[in-house]
Amino acid sequence: MNLQQTQLQIYQFKQQMTLTLNDPKSVKLQVKNINLIQKQLRAIKKEVNLAIKLINQQAAQTTPDSFISVGLDLFGKRKLAGQLRQSTRRAIQSEKISLRQPYMDVKDYIDQVILEGDKLKLQAERYLSDF
């Protein structure tokens, strides 16, 4: 998944999501368009969530126990071995967070655009209720 292309695609969807309150028939059509865009955004969000899950799985598969910590454990240096394992786990967690962050930002952007679409639909609903 290319994040730049995904962000560009989301931006284009955001630009397409407009509402002009001129006549009820047109407004209904625009609401349908907004619904379609929101469905597409939700599909993109599923892909982003899948990429995040993949990052989490890859981080979980790396084993924090190294040969050095096991050796230290065998020779009675449990405290030192525990510290080594803890620092390894922290490094893995830090790497996971840094790899995941761009995807989390894209996910937040998608949520923001979907929310804007909901606001437009509420405006359209108010407009249509006046007719």
N, C-alpha and C. Protein backbone atom coordinates (compact mmCIF):
# COMPACT_ATOMS: atom_id res chain seq x y z
N MET A 1 0.84 -1.18 0.00
CA MET A 1 0.00 0.00 0.00
C MET A 1 0.89 1.24 0.00
N ASN A 2 0.68 2.10 -1.00
CA ASN A 2 1.43 3.34 -1.10
C ASN A 2 0.64 4.45 -0.39
N LEU A 3 1.21 4.98 0.66
CA LEU A 3 0.49 5.97 1.47
C LEU A 3 0.27 7.28 0.73
N GLN A 4 1.23 7.69 -0.08
CA GLN A 4 1.07 8.95 -0.81
C GLN A 4 -0.09 8.87 -1.80
N GLN A 5 -0.18 7.76 -2.51
CA GLN A 5 -1.29 7.58 -3.45
C GLN A 5 -2.62 7.52 -2.71
N THR A 6 -2.62 6.87 -1.58
CA THR A 6 -3.84 6.76 -0.78
C THR A 6 -4.28 8.13 -0.29
N GLN A 7 -3.33 8.94 0.20
CA GLN A 7 -3.67 10.28 0.66
C GLN A 7 -4.18 11.15 -0.49
N LEU A 8 -3.58 11.00 -1.66
CA LEU A 8 -4.04 11.75 -2.83
C LEU A 8 -5.46 11.34 -3.21
N GLN A 9 -5.72 10.05 -3.17
CA GLN A 9 -7.06 9.54 -3.48
C GLN A 9 -8.09 10.07 -2.49
N ILE A 10 -7.74 10.09 -1.22
CA ILE A 10 -8.65 10.62 -0.20
C ILE A 10 -8.90 12.10 -0.44
N TYR A 11 -7.84 12.83 -0.77
CA TYR A 11 -7.98 14.27 -1.05
C TYR A 11 -8.92 14.50 -2.24
N GLN A 12 -8.78 13.67 -3.28
CA GLN A 12 -9.66 13.80 -4.44
C GLN A 12 -11.11 13.52 -4.07
N PHE A 13 -11.33 12.51 -3.24
CA PHE A 13 -12.69 12.23 -2.77
C PHE A 13 -13.24 13.41 -1.98
N LYS A 14 -12.38 14.02 -1.18
CA LYS A 14 -12.80 15.17 -0.37
C LYS A 14 -13.22 16.33 -1.28
N GLN A 15 -12.50 16.52 -2.37
CA GLN A 15 -12.83 17.59 -3.31
C GLN A 15 -14.14 17.31 -4.04
N GLN A 16 -14.43 16.04 -4.28
CA GLN A 16 -15.67 15.67 -4.98
C GLN A 16 -16.89 15.77 -4.09
N MET A 17 -16.67 15.77 -2.79
CA MET A 17 -17.77 15.79 -1.84
C MET A 17 -18.24 17.23 -1.63
N THR A 18 -19.19 17.65 -2.46
CA THR A 18 -19.72 19.01 -2.36
C THR A 18 -21.24 18.94 -2.26
N LEU A 19 -21.80 20.05 -1.81
CA LEU A 19 -23.25 20.13 -1.70
C LEU A 19 -23.68 21.53 -2.11
N THR A 20 -24.52 21.59 -3.14
CA THR A 20 -25.10 22.85 -3.59
C THR A 20 -26.60 22.75 -3.40
N LEU A 21 -27.13 23.63 -2.59
CA LEU A 21 -28.56 23.58 -2.25
C LEU A 21 -29.36 24.41 -3.25
N ASN A 22 -29.61 23.85 -4.45
CA ASN A 22 -30.35 24.60 -5.45
C ASN A 22 -31.75 24.04 -5.69
N ASP A 23 -31.91 22.74 -5.87
CA ASP A 23 -33.25 22.16 -5.98
C ASP A 23 -33.24 20.75 -5.38
N PRO A 24 -34.38 20.30 -4.88
CA PRO A 24 -34.43 19.03 -4.15
C PRO A 24 -33.92 17.81 -4.93
N LYS A 25 -34.21 17.75 -6.21
CA LYS A 25 -33.77 16.61 -7.02
C LYS A 25 -32.24 16.56 -7.08
N SER A 26 -31.64 17.70 -7.29
CA SER A 26 -30.18 17.79 -7.35
C SER A 26 -29.56 17.46 -5.99
N VAL A 27 -30.18 17.91 -4.93
CA VAL A 27 -29.65 17.66 -3.59
C VAL A 27 -29.68 16.16 -3.29
N LYS A 28 -30.76 15.48 -3.67
CA LYS A 28 -30.86 14.03 -3.45
C LYS A 28 -29.75 13.29 -4.21
N LEU A 29 -29.48 13.74 -5.42
CA LEU A 29 -28.41 13.13 -6.21
C LEU A 29 -27.05 13.37 -5.57
N GLN A 30 -26.85 14.56 -5.05
CA GLN A 30 -25.59 14.88 -4.38
C GLN A 30 -25.40 14.05 -3.11
N VAL A 31 -26.49 13.80 -2.39
CA VAL A 31 -26.42 12.97 -1.19
C VAL A 31 -26.03 11.54 -1.57
N LYS A 32 -26.58 11.04 -2.67
CA LYS A 32 -26.20 9.70 -3.14
C LYS A 32 -24.71 9.65 -3.47
N ASN A 33 -24.21 10.72 -4.08
CA ASN A 33 -22.79 10.80 -4.42
C ASN A 33 -21.94 10.81 -3.14
N ILE A 34 -22.37 11.56 -2.14
CA ILE A 34 -21.65 11.60 -0.87
C ILE A 34 -21.63 10.22 -0.22
N ASN A 35 -22.77 9.51 -0.27
CA ASN A 35 -22.83 8.15 0.29
C ASN A 35 -21.86 7.21 -0.42
N LEU A 36 -21.78 7.34 -1.74
CA LEU A 36 -20.87 6.50 -2.52
C LEU A 36 -19.42 6.79 -2.15
N ILE A 37 -19.09 8.06 -2.02
CA ILE A 37 -17.72 8.44 -1.65
C ILE A 37 -17.39 7.90 -0.26
N GLN A 38 -18.35 7.99 0.66
CA GLN A 38 -18.11 7.48 2.01
C GLN A 38 -17.88 5.97 2.01
N LYS A 39 -18.60 5.25 1.15
CA LYS A 39 -18.38 3.80 1.05
C LYS A 39 -16.97 3.51 0.55
N GLN A 40 -16.53 4.28 -0.44
CA GLN A 40 -15.18 4.09 -0.97
C GLN A 40 -14.13 4.41 0.10
N LEU A 41 -14.38 5.45 0.88
CA LEU A 41 -13.45 5.81 1.95
C LEU A 41 -13.39 4.72 3.02
N ARG A 42 -14.52 4.13 3.32
CA ARG A 42 -14.54 3.05 4.31
C ARG A 42 -13.77 1.83 3.79
N ALA A 43 -13.84 1.59 2.48
CA ALA A 43 -13.07 0.48 1.90
C ALA A 43 -11.57 0.76 2.01
N ILE A 44 -11.18 2.00 1.76
CA ILE A 44 -9.77 2.37 1.90
C ILE A 44 -9.34 2.22 3.36
N LYS A 45 -10.22 2.60 4.27
CA LYS A 45 -9.91 2.50 5.70
C LYS A 45 -9.69 1.04 6.10
N LYS A 46 -10.45 0.12 5.50
CA LYS A 46 -10.26 -1.30 5.78
C LYS A 46 -8.87 -1.75 5.33
N GLU A 47 -8.43 -1.25 4.17
CA GLU A 47 -7.08 -1.58 3.69
C GLU A 47 -6.02 -1.05 4.64
N VAL A 48 -6.22 0.17 5.13
CA VAL A 48 -5.28 0.76 6.08
C VAL A 48 -5.24 -0.06 7.36
N ASN A 49 -6.41 -0.46 7.86
CA ASN A 49 -6.46 -1.29 9.07
C ASN A 49 -5.75 -2.62 8.86
N LEU A 50 -5.88 -3.17 7.66
CA LEU A 50 -5.20 -4.42 7.35
C LEU A 50 -3.68 -4.24 7.38
N ALA A 51 -3.21 -3.11 6.84
CA ALA A 51 -1.78 -2.81 6.86
C ALA A 51 -1.29 -2.65 8.30
N ILE A 52 -2.09 -2.03 9.14
CA ILE A 52 -1.73 -1.86 10.55
C ILE A 52 -1.66 -3.22 11.25
N LYS A 53 -2.63 -4.09 10.96
CA LYS A 53 -2.61 -5.44 11.55
C LYS A 53 -1.36 -6.20 11.12
N LEU A 54 -0.98 -6.03 9.86
CA LEU A 54 0.21 -6.70 9.35
C LEU A 54 1.46 -6.23 10.09
N ILE A 55 1.55 -4.93 10.33
CA ILE A 55 2.69 -4.38 11.08
C ILE A 55 2.70 -4.96 12.49
N ASN A 56 1.53 -5.02 13.11
CA ASN A 56 1.44 -5.58 14.47
C ASN A 56 1.86 -7.05 14.51
N GLN A 57 1.44 -7.81 13.49
CA GLN A 57 1.78 -9.23 13.44
C GLN A 57 3.28 -9.43 13.25
N GLN A 58 3.87 -8.61 12.38
CA GLN A 58 5.31 -8.73 12.15
C GLN A 58 6.09 -8.40 13.41
N ALA A 59 5.62 -7.41 14.16
CA ALA A 59 6.29 -7.05 15.41
C ALA A 59 6.12 -8.16 16.45
N ALA A 60 4.98 -8.82 16.44
CA ALA A 60 4.73 -9.89 17.41
C ALA A 60 5.55 -11.13 17.10
N GLN A 61 5.89 -11.32 15.83
CA GLN A 61 6.63 -12.52 15.44
C GLN A 61 8.11 -12.43 15.78
N THR A 62 8.62 -11.21 15.94
CA THR A 62 10.03 -11.09 16.30
C THR A 62 10.17 -11.49 17.76
N THR A 63 11.12 -12.35 18.03
CA THR A 63 11.28 -12.86 19.39
C THR A 63 12.20 -11.94 20.19
N PRO A 64 11.75 -11.51 21.35
CA PRO A 64 12.59 -10.62 22.16
C PRO A 64 13.75 -11.34 22.85
N ASP A 65 13.68 -12.64 22.98
CA ASP A 65 14.77 -13.38 23.62
C ASP A 65 15.92 -13.55 22.64
N SER A 66 17.06 -13.07 23.02
CA SER A 66 18.23 -13.25 22.19
C SER A 66 19.10 -14.35 22.80
N PHE A 67 20.06 -14.79 22.04
CA PHE A 67 20.95 -15.84 22.53
C PHE A 67 21.75 -15.33 23.73
N ILE A 68 22.06 -14.06 23.71
CA ILE A 68 22.84 -13.49 24.81
C ILE A 68 22.04 -13.54 26.11
N SER A 69 20.74 -13.15 26.04
CA SER A 69 19.94 -13.15 27.27
C SER A 69 19.72 -14.57 27.78
N VAL A 70 19.56 -15.53 26.86
CA VAL A 70 19.41 -16.92 27.28
C VAL A 70 20.69 -17.41 27.94
N GLY A 71 21.83 -17.04 27.35
CA GLY A 71 23.13 -17.42 27.94
C GLY A 71 23.31 -16.81 29.32
N LEU A 72 22.95 -15.54 29.46
CA LEU A 72 23.06 -14.90 30.77
C LEU A 72 22.14 -15.56 31.78
N ASP A 73 20.96 -15.95 31.31
CA ASP A 73 20.00 -16.64 32.17
C ASP A 73 20.59 -17.96 32.68
N LEU A 74 21.25 -18.69 31.77
CA LEU A 74 21.81 -19.99 32.14
C LEU A 74 22.95 -19.85 33.15
N PHE A 75 23.69 -18.76 33.04
CA PHE A 75 24.83 -18.57 33.93
C PHE A 75 24.48 -17.80 35.20
N GLY A 76 23.18 -17.66 35.47
CA GLY A 76 22.77 -17.07 36.73
C GLY A 76 22.66 -15.56 36.75
N LYS A 77 22.81 -14.91 35.65
CA LYS A 77 22.70 -13.45 35.58
C LYS A 77 21.28 -13.08 35.14
N ARG A 78 20.31 -13.47 35.92
CA ARG A 78 18.90 -13.28 35.55
C ARG A 78 18.51 -11.82 35.45
N LYS A 79 19.00 -11.02 36.37
CA LYS A 79 18.64 -9.60 36.36
C LYS A 79 19.14 -8.93 35.08
N LEU A 80 20.37 -9.20 34.72
CA LEU A 80 20.94 -8.63 33.50
C LEU A 80 20.21 -9.15 32.27
N ALA A 81 19.87 -10.44 32.28
CA ALA A 81 19.13 -11.03 31.16
C ALA A 81 17.75 -10.39 31.03
N GLY A 82 17.10 -10.15 32.16
CA GLY A 82 15.78 -9.51 32.14
C GLY A 82 15.85 -8.09 31.60
N GLN A 83 16.89 -7.37 32.00
CA GLN A 83 17.06 -6.00 31.50
C GLN A 83 17.30 -6.00 29.99
N LEU A 84 18.07 -6.97 29.52
CA LEU A 84 18.35 -7.07 28.09
C LEU A 84 17.07 -7.38 27.32
N ARG A 85 16.26 -8.31 27.83
CA ARG A 85 14.99 -8.64 27.16
C ARG A 85 14.05 -7.44 27.17
N GLN A 86 14.01 -6.72 28.28
CA GLN A 86 13.14 -5.55 28.39
C GLN A 86 13.55 -4.47 27.39
N SER A 87 14.84 -4.23 27.26
CA SER A 87 15.28 -3.21 26.30
C SER A 87 14.98 -3.65 24.87
N THR A 88 15.08 -4.95 24.61
CA THR A 88 14.75 -5.46 23.27
C THR A 88 13.26 -5.29 22.99
N ARG A 89 12.42 -5.60 23.98
CA ARG A 89 10.97 -5.43 23.80
C ARG A 89 10.62 -3.97 23.57
N ARG A 90 11.26 -3.09 24.30
CA ARG A 90 11.00 -1.65 24.12
C ARG A 90 11.39 -1.18 22.73
N ALA A 91 12.52 -1.68 22.24
CA ALA A 91 12.96 -1.31 20.89
C ALA A 91 11.97 -1.80 19.84
N ILE A 92 11.48 -3.02 20.01
CA ILE A 92 10.50 -3.58 19.07
C ILE A 92 9.21 -2.77 19.12
N GLN A 93 8.75 -2.43 20.32
CA GLN A 93 7.52 -1.64 20.48
C GLN A 93 7.68 -0.25 19.86
N SER A 94 8.83 0.35 20.07
CA SER A 94 9.09 1.68 19.50
C SER A 94 9.09 1.63 17.98
N GLU A 95 9.70 0.60 17.42
CA GLU A 95 9.73 0.45 15.97
C GLU A 95 8.32 0.22 15.42
N LYS A 96 7.54 -0.58 16.13
CA LYS A 96 6.16 -0.85 15.71
C LYS A 96 5.35 0.44 15.68
N ILE A 97 5.50 1.26 16.70
CA ILE A 97 4.76 2.52 16.77
C ILE A 97 5.19 3.45 15.64
N SER A 98 6.48 3.53 15.38
CA SER A 98 6.95 4.43 14.32
C SER A 98 6.51 3.95 12.93
N LEU A 99 6.43 2.64 12.73
CA LEU A 99 5.96 2.12 11.44
C LEU A 99 4.45 2.31 11.27
N ARG A 100 3.73 2.25 12.38
CA ARG A 100 2.28 2.33 12.35
C ARG A 100 1.75 3.75 12.24
N GLN A 101 2.52 4.73 12.71
CA GLN A 101 2.02 6.10 12.83
C GLN A 101 1.52 6.71 11.51
N PRO A 102 2.23 6.56 10.39
CA PRO A 102 1.69 7.14 9.14
C PRO A 102 0.33 6.56 8.76
N TYR A 103 0.14 5.28 9.02
CA TYR A 103 -1.15 4.65 8.73
C TYR A 103 -2.24 5.17 9.65
N MET A 104 -1.88 5.43 10.90
CA MET A 104 -2.85 5.98 11.84
C MET A 104 -3.26 7.40 11.42
N ASP A 105 -2.30 8.16 10.89
CA ASP A 105 -2.61 9.51 10.40
C ASP A 105 -3.57 9.46 9.22
N VAL A 106 -3.35 8.51 8.31
CA VAL A 106 -4.24 8.35 7.15
C VAL A 106 -5.63 7.94 7.63
N LYS A 107 -5.68 7.07 8.60
CA LYS A 107 -6.96 6.62 9.16
C LYS A 107 -7.73 7.80 9.78
N ASP A 108 -7.02 8.65 10.49
CA ASP A 108 -7.65 9.84 11.08
C ASP A 108 -8.16 10.78 9.99
N TYR A 109 -7.39 10.92 8.91
CA TYR A 109 -7.79 11.77 7.79
C TYR A 109 -9.07 11.23 7.14
N ILE A 110 -9.14 9.91 6.97
CA ILE A 110 -10.34 9.29 6.40
C ILE A 110 -11.54 9.57 7.30
N ASP A 111 -11.36 9.40 8.60
CA ASP A 111 -12.46 9.67 9.54
C ASP A 111 -12.93 11.11 9.45
N GLN A 112 -11.98 12.02 9.29
CA GLN A 112 -12.31 13.45 9.18
C GLN A 112 -13.14 13.71 7.92
N VAL A 113 -12.76 13.12 6.80
CA VAL A 113 -13.49 13.32 5.55
C VAL A 113 -14.88 12.69 5.63
N ILE A 114 -14.99 11.52 6.23
CA ILE A 114 -16.30 10.88 6.40
C ILE A 114 -17.20 11.75 7.27
N LEU A 115 -16.63 12.34 8.31
CA LEU A 115 -17.40 13.23 9.18
C LEU A 115 -17.88 14.47 8.42
N GLU A 116 -17.04 15.01 7.56
CA GLU A 116 -17.45 16.14 6.73
C GLU A 116 -18.63 15.75 5.83
N GLY A 117 -18.58 14.54 5.29
CA GLY A 117 -19.68 14.05 4.47
C GLY A 117 -20.97 13.93 5.27
N ASP A 118 -20.85 13.47 6.51
CA ASP A 118 -22.04 13.38 7.37
C ASP A 118 -22.63 14.77 7.64
N LYS A 119 -21.76 15.75 7.83
CA LYS A 119 -22.25 17.12 8.05
C LYS A 119 -22.98 17.64 6.82
N LEU A 120 -22.43 17.35 5.64
CA LEU A 120 -23.09 17.77 4.40
C LEU A 120 -24.45 17.08 4.25
N LYS A 121 -24.51 15.81 4.61
CA LYS A 121 -25.79 15.09 4.52
C LYS A 121 -26.82 15.67 5.48
N LEU A 122 -26.38 16.10 6.65
CA LEU A 122 -27.30 16.74 7.59
C LEU A 122 -27.83 18.06 7.04
N GLN A 123 -26.96 18.83 6.39
CA GLN A 123 -27.41 20.08 5.75
C GLN A 123 -28.44 19.78 4.68
N ALA A 124 -28.18 18.75 3.89
CA ALA A 124 -29.11 18.38 2.82
C ALA A 124 -30.44 17.92 3.41
N GLU A 125 -30.38 17.19 4.50
CA GLU A 125 -31.61 16.71 5.15
C GLU A 125 -32.44 17.89 5.65
N ARG A 126 -31.77 18.87 6.24
CA ARG A 126 -32.49 20.07 6.71
C ARG A 126 -33.12 20.81 5.54
N TYR A 127 -32.37 20.91 4.44
CA TYR A 127 -32.87 21.60 3.25
C TYR A 127 -34.09 20.88 2.68
N LEU A 128 -34.00 19.54 2.61
CA LEU A 128 -35.10 18.76 2.04
C LEU A 128 -36.32 18.75 2.96
N SER A 129 -36.12 18.88 4.25
CA SER A 129 -37.26 18.90 5.17
C SER A 129 -38.05 20.21 5.04
N ASP A 130 -37.42 21.25 4.52
CA ASP A 130 -38.11 22.52 4.31
C ASP A 130 -39.05 22.47 3.10
N PHE A 131 -38.85 21.47 2.24
CA PHE A 131 -39.69 21.37 1.04
C PHE A 131 -40.85 20.46 1.24
